[in-house]
C-alpha cells in the first residue's frame, strides 16, 4: 500500500505521516521527495519506505490505522507544487 504523488520541487522535501497520538513535533514517519529542479515528476511511495528520523523500522499497522493526515515539509527557499496526491481506496467525505 502507499500513494502516488505528482509534484515539482526546487529543493529536497519530505512527506510526514501524522497520527492523533503524536499530531505535532518532528518524530513522524517520513519519506523523502527528491528535488525535481522544478520539473513535474510522478513518484510512488510505499508506506513500507517511510521511516522515523534516524530509524530503520517502517510504520506498523497500528500507526497506519491511526494516520489522519500528511504534512509536506521543505526548506525555507524550496518551492513545492503539488499537482495530485492519489491514495488508493480513499474517498473524500465531501
C-alpha atoms as a PDB file:
ATOM      1  CA  UNK A   1       0.000   0.000   0.000  1.00  0.00           C
ATOM      2  CA  UNK A   2       1.026   3.563  -0.500  1.00  0.00           C
ATOM      3  CA  UNK A   3       0.337   6.660  -2.520  1.00  0.00           C
ATOM      4  CA  UNK A   4       1.278   8.347  -5.790  1.00  0.00           C
ATOM      5  CA  UNK A   5       2.364  11.983  -5.869  1.00  0.00           C
ATOM      6  CA  UNK A   6       2.703  14.212  -8.901  1.00  0.00           C
ATOM      7  CA  UNK A   7       4.799  17.211  -7.884  1.00  0.00           C
ATOM      8  CA  UNK A   8       7.669  19.548  -8.576  1.00  0.00           C
ATOM      9  CA  UNK A   9      10.145  20.963  -6.083  1.00  0.00           C
ATOM     10  CA  UNK A  10      13.190  23.167  -6.215  1.00  0.00           C
ATOM     11  CA  UNK A  11      14.764  21.593  -3.123  1.00  0.00           C
ATOM     12  CA  UNK A  12      14.645  18.466  -1.018  1.00  0.00           C
ATOM     13  CA  UNK A  13      11.270  17.882   0.604  1.00  0.00           C
ATOM     14  CA  UNK A  14       9.753  15.105   2.671  1.00  0.00           C
ATOM     15  CA  UNK A  15       6.287  13.824   3.472  1.00  0.00           C
ATOM     16  CA  UNK A  16       5.266  13.034   7.056  1.00  0.00           C
ATOM     17  CA  UNK A  17       2.547  10.635   8.241  1.00  0.00           C
ATOM     18  CA  UNK A  18       0.615  12.218  11.118  1.00  0.00           C
ATOM     19  CA  UNK A  19      -1.391  10.344  13.764  1.00  0.00           C
ATOM     20  CA  UNK A  20      -3.693  11.540  16.543  1.00  0.00           C
ATOM     21  CA  UNK A  21      -1.317  10.035  19.138  1.00  0.00           C
ATOM     22  CA  UNK A  22       1.510  12.372  18.044  1.00  0.00           C
ATOM     23  CA  UNK A  23      -0.087  15.158  15.966  1.00  0.00           C
ATOM     24  CA  UNK A  24       2.788  17.661  16.354  1.00  0.00           C
ATOM     25  CA  UNK A  25       6.571  17.611  16.582  1.00  0.00           C
ATOM     26  CA  UNK A  26       9.275  16.151  14.369  1.00  0.00           C
ATOM     27  CA  UNK A  27       9.292  12.447  15.245  1.00  0.00           C
ATOM     28  CA  UNK A  28       6.923  11.327  12.482  1.00  0.00           C
ATOM     29  CA  UNK A  29       7.421   8.608   9.906  1.00  0.00           C
ATOM     30  CA  UNK A  30       8.524  10.271   6.699  1.00  0.00           C
ATOM     31  CA  UNK A  31       9.614   9.634   3.127  1.00  0.00           C
ATOM     32  CA  UNK A  32      11.923  11.791   1.038  1.00  0.00           C
ATOM     33  CA  UNK A  33      10.666  13.632  -2.032  1.00  0.00           C
ATOM     34  CA  UNK A  34      13.789  14.415  -4.052  1.00  0.00           C
ATOM     35  CA  UNK A  35      14.229  17.765  -5.752  1.00  0.00           C
ATOM     36  CA  UNK A  36      12.910  17.737  -9.313  1.00  0.00           C
ATOM     37  CA  UNK A  37      14.660  21.001 -10.263  1.00  0.00           C
ATOM     38  CA  UNK A  38      11.187  22.465 -10.784  1.00  0.00           C
ATOM     39  CA  UNK A  39      10.053  19.801 -13.286  1.00  0.00           C
ATOM     40  CA  UNK A  40       6.798  17.883 -12.717  1.00  0.00           C
ATOM     41  CA  UNK A  41       7.530  14.250 -11.719  1.00  0.00           C
ATOM     42  CA  UNK A  42       5.393  11.354 -10.546  1.00  0.00           C
ATOM     43  CA  UNK A  43       6.591   9.026  -7.794  1.00  0.00           C
ATOM     44  CA  UNK A  44       5.041   6.127  -5.913  1.00  0.00           C
ATOM     45  CA  UNK A  45       5.712   5.868  -2.190  1.00  0.00           C
ATOM     46  CA  UNK A  46       5.032   2.595  -0.409  1.00  0.00           C
ATOM     47  CA  UNK A  47       4.185   3.052   3.261  1.00  0.00           C
ATOM     48  CA  UNK A  48       6.899   0.482   3.995  1.00  0.00           C
ATOM     49  CA  UNK A  49       9.525   3.034   2.825  1.00  0.00           C
ATOM     50  CA  UNK A  50       8.579   5.619   5.474  1.00  0.00           C
ATOM     51  CA  UNK A  51      10.937   5.858   8.474  1.00  0.00           C
ATOM     52  CA  UNK A  52      11.240   7.944  11.623  1.00  0.00           C
ATOM     53  CA  UNK A  53      14.269  10.262  11.609  1.00  0.00           C
ATOM     54  CA  UNK A  54      17.284   8.036  12.356  1.00  0.00           C
ATOM     55  CA  UNK A  55      15.112   4.907  12.420  1.00  0.00           C
ATOM     56  CA  UNK A  56      15.101   1.690  10.420  1.00  0.00           C
ATOM     57  CA  UNK A  57      11.606   0.349  11.123  1.00  0.00           C
ATOM     58  CA  UNK A  58       8.631   1.084   8.848  1.00  0.00           C
ATOM     59  CA  UNK A  59       5.298   2.122  10.360  1.00  0.00           C
ATOM     60  CA  UNK A  60       3.334  -0.782  11.847  1.00  0.00           C
ATOM     61  CA  UNK A  61      -0.329  -1.424  11.051  1.00  0.00           C
ATOM     62  CA  UNK A  62      -1.456   0.398  14.214  1.00  0.00           C
ATOM     63  CA  UNK A  63       0.353   3.562  13.053  1.00  0.00           C
ATOM     64  CA  UNK A  64      -1.121   3.298   9.553  1.00  0.00           C
ATOM     65  CA  UNK A  65      -4.580   2.698  11.045  1.00  0.00           C
ATOM     66  CA  UNK A  66      -4.274   5.797  13.234  1.00  0.00           C
ATOM     67  CA  UNK A  67      -2.995   8.046  10.445  1.00  0.00           C
ATOM     68  CA  UNK A  68      -5.158  11.109   9.846  1.00  0.00           C
ATOM     69  CA  UNK A  69      -3.056  13.435   7.687  1.00  0.00           C
ATOM     70  CA  UNK A  70       0.069  14.043   5.645  1.00  0.00           C
ATOM     71  CA  UNK A  71       2.391  17.021   6.065  1.00  0.00           C
ATOM     72  CA  UNK A  72       4.752  18.178   3.318  1.00  0.00           C
ATOM     73  CA  UNK A  73       7.976  19.731   4.660  1.00  0.00           C
ATOM     74  CA  UNK A  74      10.599  21.645   2.704  1.00  0.00           C
ATOM     75  CA  UNK A  75      13.354  24.159   3.335  1.00  0.00           C
ATOM     76  CA  UNK A  76      12.571  27.874   3.545  1.00  0.00           C
ATOM     77  CA  UNK A  77      13.589  28.562  -0.061  1.00  0.00           C
ATOM     78  CA  UNK A  78      12.044  25.383  -1.540  1.00  0.00           C
ATOM     79  CA  UNK A  79       9.122  25.856  -3.905  1.00  0.00           C
ATOM     80  CA  UNK A  80       6.815  22.829  -3.839  1.00  0.00           C
ATOM     81  CA  UNK A  81       3.976  22.391  -6.321  1.00  0.00           C
ATOM     82  CA  UNK A  82       1.524  19.509  -5.867  1.00  0.00           C
ATOM     83  CA  UNK A  83      -0.446  18.528  -8.933  1.00  0.00           C
ATOM     84  CA  UNK A  84      -2.107  15.491  -7.364  1.00  0.00           C
ATOM     85  CA  UNK A  85      -1.879  13.053  -4.456  1.00  0.00           C
ATOM     86  CA  UNK A  86      -3.530   9.705  -5.167  1.00  0.00           C
ATOM     87  CA  UNK A  87      -4.367   7.372  -2.281  1.00  0.00           C
ATOM     88  CA  UNK A  88      -5.897   4.096  -3.499  1.00  0.00           C
ATOM     89  CA  UNK A  89      -9.240   3.383  -1.861  1.00  0.00           C
ATOM     90  CA  UNK A  90      -9.618   6.840  -0.308  1.00  0.00           C
ATOM     91  CA  UNK A  91     -12.956   8.550  -0.964  1.00  0.00           C
ATOM     92  CA  UNK A  92     -13.123  12.184   0.198  1.00  0.00           C
ATOM     93  CA  UNK A  93     -16.030  12.894   2.565  1.00  0.00           C
ATOM     94  CA  UNK A  94     -17.192  15.883   0.523  1.00  0.00           C
END
